[in-house]
Amino acid sequence: MFFQPVIGTGGYSGWLILQRTETRQREIFEQSPTLERNIDYFRENIQNALSAKDLVSDRRLLSVALGAFGLDEEINKRAFVQKILEDGTESSQAFANRLNEPRYLAFAQAFSYGNADGGARVLLEDFQEDIIARYKVRAFDRAVGEVDNDARLALNFRREISDIVSGDSSETTIWFRIMGQQPIREVVATAFNLPQEISQLDVDRQRELFEDKAARVLGTSDPNVLADPDVIDDLLRRFFLVRQTENGPTSLTPGFSALTLLQNTALGAGATQNLFQSQF
């Protein structure tokens, strides 16, 4: 059975459709033969991967393991992945702890090859089922992304942002985490209407720009507010609406009638875009 997520016409209206139907769509997706075969293979063979080398040597196992943490793009970087796993997470100098990428850290912590318990965790049924559950979630994200990548980014943001801002880290550290994880950064930067070109600036200056925009848009520069469900909803709405301005307004765009009127006057495109942005 081939499954294609239903997202309507995309954009913010498509995101609302996806949210309303998400539970049922996930249930249908998880009946996909390809997904079931990958999961069955993982269950049957993961107990043989008692070392990081064992895991990276089996591409099918590794694809599920990486997919569970949104690291699919690393599938061909076997030496890199092996280094992350073998270093573990218990030392402050461990590779995963120095990468400033929460996904790598979670991956290394879960498999724990380089920690005191070694590879024994892969023998535990609870561990296996946890990885499979993560894999299902991420696999659905990927399927959504094949239809609408903005919707995939939104799913990822909604799920991950609370973990990124949680803990006792300083506000500065949290902003660097947000900036360092590309899918999260893209959502936040787009919602704040920050241009991609700021990535060429000094990282401290970039952080200042994110903080300034947060203060203007959210009423505070404290990134911990991003864990609030209402703030998440509002930020994602802004994300999709900014995307619509980038792609050009349609009849489904909020404020479209006013935009059309303005386009037929002498106010010009700049005023048109400003009016649209005032809708949110």
Protein backbone atom coordinates (compact mmCIF):
# COMPACT_ATOMS: atom_id res chain seq x y z
CA MET A 1 0.00 0.00 0.00
CA PHE A 2 1.37 3.39 -1.05
CA PHE A 3 0.52 6.22 1.32
CA GLN A 4 0.65 9.92 0.54
CA PRO A 5 -0.17 12.34 3.35
CA VAL A 6 -3.14 14.65 2.81
CA ILE A 7 -2.25 18.31 3.25
CA GLY A 8 -4.82 20.02 1.06
CA THR A 9 -3.39 22.96 -0.84
CA GLY A 10 -0.47 23.30 1.55
CA GLY A 11 0.48 26.41 3.46
CA TYR A 12 -1.20 27.29 6.73
CA SER A 13 -4.57 25.88 5.67
CA GLY A 14 -2.82 22.60 4.79
CA TRP A 15 -1.12 22.59 8.18
CA LEU A 16 -4.50 22.92 9.90
CA ILE A 17 -5.84 19.99 7.85
CA LEU A 18 -2.80 17.89 8.75
CA GLN A 19 -3.22 18.61 12.45
CA ARG A 20 -6.91 17.67 12.41
CA THR A 21 -6.30 14.38 10.59
CA GLU A 22 -2.84 13.53 11.87
CA THR A 23 -3.79 10.64 14.18
CA ARG A 24 -5.69 8.77 11.48
CA GLN A 25 -3.07 9.51 8.82
CA ARG A 26 -0.34 8.12 11.06
CA GLU A 27 -2.35 4.94 11.65
CA ILE A 28 -2.73 4.39 7.90
CA PHE A 29 0.91 5.22 7.24
CA GLU A 30 2.15 2.70 9.79
CA GLN A 31 0.48 -0.08 7.80
CA SER A 32 2.86 0.59 4.90
CA PRO A 33 4.60 -2.67 3.83
CA THR A 34 7.96 -0.93 3.40
CA LEU A 35 7.79 0.54 6.88
CA GLU A 36 6.76 -2.79 8.36
CA ARG A 37 9.62 -4.62 6.61
CA ASN A 38 12.19 -2.14 7.94
CA ILE A 39 10.82 -2.48 11.46
CA ASP A 40 10.74 -6.29 11.29
CA TYR A 41 14.35 -6.36 10.11
CA PHE A 42 15.39 -4.09 12.95
CA ARG A 43 13.65 -6.25 15.56
CA GLU A 44 15.21 -9.43 14.20
CA ASN A 45 18.77 -8.15 13.85
CA ILE A 46 19.51 -5.33 16.25
CA GLN A 47 20.62 -7.76 18.97
CA ASN A 48 23.55 -8.66 16.72
CA ALA A 49 24.83 -5.07 16.73
CA LEU A 50 26.80 -5.25 19.96
CA SER A 51 29.25 -2.57 18.86
CA ALA A 52 29.12 0.69 16.95
CA LYS A 53 31.03 -0.99 14.13
CA ASP A 54 28.41 -3.74 13.93
CA LEU A 55 25.66 -1.16 13.59
CA VAL A 56 27.26 1.00 10.91
CA SER A 57 28.23 -2.12 8.95
CA ASP A 58 24.56 -3.05 8.47
CA ARG A 59 22.99 -0.37 6.28
CA ARG A 60 19.40 -1.49 6.93
CA LEU A 61 19.86 -1.41 10.69
CA LEU A 62 21.68 1.90 10.49
CA SER A 63 18.93 3.47 8.37
CA VAL A 64 16.36 2.72 11.07
CA ALA A 65 18.70 3.83 13.87
CA LEU A 66 19.53 7.13 12.19
CA GLY A 67 15.98 7.64 10.97
CA ALA A 68 14.74 7.40 14.55
CA PHE A 69 16.65 10.60 15.35
CA GLY A 70 16.11 12.51 12.12
CA LEU A 71 19.66 11.83 10.97
CA ASP A 72 18.84 10.11 7.68
CA GLU A 73 21.24 12.34 5.78
CA GLU A 74 24.18 10.80 7.67
CA ILE A 75 23.62 7.28 6.27
CA ASN A 76 26.72 7.46 4.04
CA LYS A 77 29.00 8.93 6.76
CA ARG A 78 29.82 5.65 8.45
CA ALA A 79 33.11 6.71 10.01
CA PHE A 80 31.55 9.90 11.35
CA VAL A 81 28.58 8.02 12.84
CA GLN A 82 30.84 5.34 14.33
CA LYS A 83 32.95 8.01 16.01
CA ILE A 84 29.86 9.61 17.57
CA LEU A 85 28.68 6.24 18.91
CA GLU A 86 32.05 4.98 20.16
CA ASP A 87 32.79 8.17 22.11
CA GLY A 88 29.55 7.87 24.06
CA THR A 89 28.31 10.81 26.10
CA GLU A 90 29.82 10.45 29.57
CA SER A 91 32.91 12.54 28.89
CA SER A 92 32.62 16.28 28.27
CA GLN A 93 35.10 15.74 25.42
CA ALA A 94 33.00 13.06 23.75
CA PHE A 95 32.38 13.84 20.08
CA ALA A 96 28.59 14.11 20.50
CA ASN A 97 29.03 16.61 23.34
CA ARG A 98 31.20 18.85 21.18
CA LEU A 99 28.99 18.98 18.10
CA ASN A 100 26.28 21.39 19.36
CA GLU A 101 23.65 19.22 17.68
CA PRO A 102 20.99 17.73 20.00
CA ARG A 103 20.13 14.94 17.56
CA TYR A 104 23.65 13.48 17.66
CA LEU A 105 23.69 13.65 21.44
CA ALA A 106 20.32 11.89 21.74
CA PHE A 107 21.47 9.23 19.25
CA ALA A 108 24.70 8.52 21.15
CA GLN A 109 22.89 8.49 24.51
CA ALA A 110 20.25 6.07 23.28
CA PHE A 111 22.64 3.45 21.89
CA SER A 112 25.24 4.11 24.61
CA TYR A 113 28.01 2.11 22.89
CA GLY A 114 30.74 4.35 24.30
CA ASN A 115 29.34 4.49 27.83
CA ALA A 116 29.76 2.13 30.78
CA ASP A 117 26.97 -0.21 29.67
CA GLY A 118 28.55 -0.61 26.23
CA GLY A 119 26.32 -2.20 23.61
CA ALA A 120 24.19 -4.18 26.04
CA ARG A 121 21.26 -1.82 25.62
CA VAL A 122 20.47 -3.18 22.15
CA LEU A 123 19.45 -6.48 23.79
CA LEU A 124 16.64 -4.85 25.77
CA GLU A 125 13.14 -5.07 24.35
CA ASP A 126 12.18 -1.68 25.80
CA PHE A 127 15.11 -0.08 24.00
CA GLN A 128 14.19 -1.74 20.70
CA GLU A 129 10.57 -0.62 20.93
CA ASP A 130 11.60 2.93 21.82
CA ILE A 131 13.79 3.18 18.71
CA ILE A 132 10.99 1.74 16.57
CA ALA A 133 8.48 4.24 17.95
CA ARG A 134 10.87 7.10 17.20
CA TYR A 135 11.46 5.70 13.72
CA LYS A 136 7.73 5.61 12.94
CA VAL A 137 7.32 9.23 13.95
CA ARG A 138 10.25 10.41 11.85
CA ALA A 139 9.27 8.25 8.89
CA PHE A 140 5.87 9.93 8.82
CA ASP A 141 7.63 13.30 8.89
CA ARG A 142 9.64 12.26 5.84
CA ALA A 143 6.49 11.17 4.00
CA VAL A 144 4.91 14.54 4.78
CA GLY A 145 8.05 16.28 3.57
CA GLU A 146 7.77 14.61 0.17
CA VAL A 147 4.44 16.41 -0.24
CA ASP A 148 5.21 19.66 1.59
CA ASN A 149 8.57 20.27 3.24
CA ASP A 150 7.25 23.23 5.23
CA ALA A 151 4.75 20.90 6.91
CA ARG A 152 7.61 18.54 7.77
CA LEU A 153 9.54 21.43 9.30
CA ALA A 154 6.46 22.36 11.33
CA LEU A 155 5.99 18.81 12.62
CA ASN A 156 9.62 18.67 13.66
CA PHE A 157 9.48 22.09 15.34
CA ARG A 158 6.32 21.28 17.28
CA ARG A 159 7.86 18.06 18.59
CA GLU A 160 11.45 19.18 19.28
CA ILE A 161 11.36 22.78 20.46
CA SER A 162 10.35 22.04 24.05
CA ASP A 163 13.32 19.71 24.55
CA ILE A 164 15.70 22.25 23.02
CA VAL A 165 14.68 25.02 25.40
CA SER A 166 14.31 22.80 28.49
CA GLY A 167 16.91 22.39 31.24
CA ASP A 168 19.03 24.80 33.20
CA SER A 169 20.99 26.26 30.29
CA SER A 170 21.34 30.02 29.93
CA GLU A 171 19.22 31.95 27.45
CA THR A 172 22.33 32.53 25.34
CA THR A 173 23.09 28.80 25.17
CA ILE A 174 19.51 28.02 24.16
CA TRP A 175 19.58 30.57 21.35
CA PHE A 176 22.78 28.99 20.07
CA ARG A 177 21.06 25.59 20.13
CA ILE A 178 18.15 26.98 18.14
CA MET A 179 20.50 28.59 15.65
CA GLY A 180 22.63 25.46 15.38
CA GLN A 181 19.86 23.00 14.53
CA GLN A 182 18.99 23.87 10.94
CA PRO A 183 15.35 22.66 10.76
CA ILE A 184 14.51 24.52 13.98
CA ARG A 185 16.44 27.61 12.93
CA GLU A 186 14.62 27.73 9.59
CA VAL A 187 11.20 27.81 11.25
CA VAL A 188 12.16 30.45 13.81
CA ALA A 189 14.09 32.66 11.37
CA THR A 190 11.26 32.52 8.85
CA ALA A 191 8.60 33.29 11.47
CA PHE A 192 10.73 36.26 12.60
CA ASN A 193 11.18 37.30 8.96
CA LEU A 194 14.97 37.21 9.30
CA PRO A 195 16.84 36.93 5.98
CA GLN A 196 19.08 33.94 5.27
CA GLU A 197 22.00 36.32 4.76
CA ILE A 198 22.37 36.86 8.51
CA SER A 199 24.05 33.44 8.67
CA GLN A 200 27.13 35.17 7.25
CA LEU A 201 27.38 37.41 10.32
CA ASP A 202 29.31 36.75 13.51
CA VAL A 203 27.38 34.21 15.60
CA ASP A 204 26.98 36.63 18.52
CA ARG A 205 25.47 39.20 16.18
CA GLN A 206 23.13 36.55 14.81
CA ARG A 207 22.01 35.72 18.33
CA GLU A 208 21.32 39.39 19.01
CA LEU A 209 19.12 39.57 15.92
CA PHE A 210 17.15 36.50 17.02
CA GLU A 211 16.75 37.98 20.51
CA ASP A 212 15.64 41.37 19.17
CA LYS A 213 13.06 39.79 16.88
CA ALA A 214 11.79 37.54 19.67
CA ALA A 215 11.28 40.58 21.89
CA ARG A 216 9.29 42.31 19.15
CA VAL A 217 7.25 39.32 18.02
CA LEU A 218 6.81 37.37 21.26
CA GLY A 219 7.14 40.17 23.79
CA THR A 220 10.27 38.64 25.34
CA SER A 221 13.75 37.59 24.26
CA ASP A 222 13.66 34.60 26.64
CA PRO A 223 13.70 31.48 24.40
CA ASN A 224 12.03 29.41 27.14
CA VAL A 225 8.71 30.92 26.08
CA LEU A 226 8.95 28.77 22.93
CA ALA A 227 7.91 25.75 24.99
CA ASP A 228 4.45 27.29 25.50
CA PRO A 229 1.91 25.47 23.22
CA ASP A 230 0.16 28.76 22.39
CA VAL A 231 3.47 30.35 21.39
CA ILE A 232 4.30 27.30 19.26
CA ASP A 233 0.97 27.61 17.45
CA ASP A 234 1.46 31.33 16.88
CA LEU A 235 5.03 30.92 15.66
CA LEU A 236 4.01 28.22 13.19
CA ARG A 237 1.18 30.40 11.90
CA ARG A 238 3.68 33.17 11.30
CA PHE A 239 6.06 30.71 9.65
CA PHE A 240 3.46 29.62 7.09
CA LEU A 241 2.22 33.14 6.44
CA VAL A 242 5.73 34.44 5.79
CA ARG A 243 6.26 31.52 3.44
CA GLN A 244 3.12 32.60 1.60
CA THR A 245 4.51 36.10 1.12
CA GLU A 246 7.73 34.61 -0.22
CA ASN A 247 5.83 32.43 -2.68
CA GLY A 248 3.32 35.13 -3.59
CA PRO A 249 -0.27 35.52 -2.34
CA THR A 250 -3.18 33.43 -3.63
CA SER A 251 -6.95 33.65 -3.22
CA LEU A 252 -6.49 31.57 -0.03
CA THR A 253 -4.08 34.07 1.50
CA PRO A 254 -5.40 36.16 4.44
CA GLY A 255 -5.87 39.76 3.28
CA PHE A 256 -5.86 38.73 -0.39
CA SER A 257 -8.68 41.10 -1.39
CA ALA A 258 -6.85 44.04 0.14
CA LEU A 259 -3.66 42.94 -1.58
CA THR A 260 -5.40 42.83 -4.96
CA LEU A 261 -6.79 46.32 -4.45
CA LEU A 262 -3.39 47.67 -3.53
CA GLN A 263 -1.75 46.03 -6.50
CA ASN A 264 -4.11 48.00 -8.74
CA THR A 265 -3.10 51.30 -7.16
CA ALA A 266 0.11 53.26 -7.18
CA LEU A 267 1.23 52.04 -3.76
CA GLY A 268 3.43 49.34 -5.24
CA ALA A 269 4.74 45.96 -4.16
CA GLY A 270 6.48 47.20 -1.01
CA ALA A 271 3.25 48.55 0.47
CA THR A 272 1.47 45.37 -0.62
CA GLN A 273 3.84 43.13 1.29
CA ASN A 274 3.72 45.39 4.34
CA LEU A 275 -0.06 45.22 4.44
CA PHE A 276 -0.01 41.46 4.18
CA GLN A 277 2.50 41.17 7.00
CA SER A 278 0.26 43.38 9.15
CA GLN A 279 -2.36 40.61 9.00
CA PHE A 280 -0.29 38.75 11.61
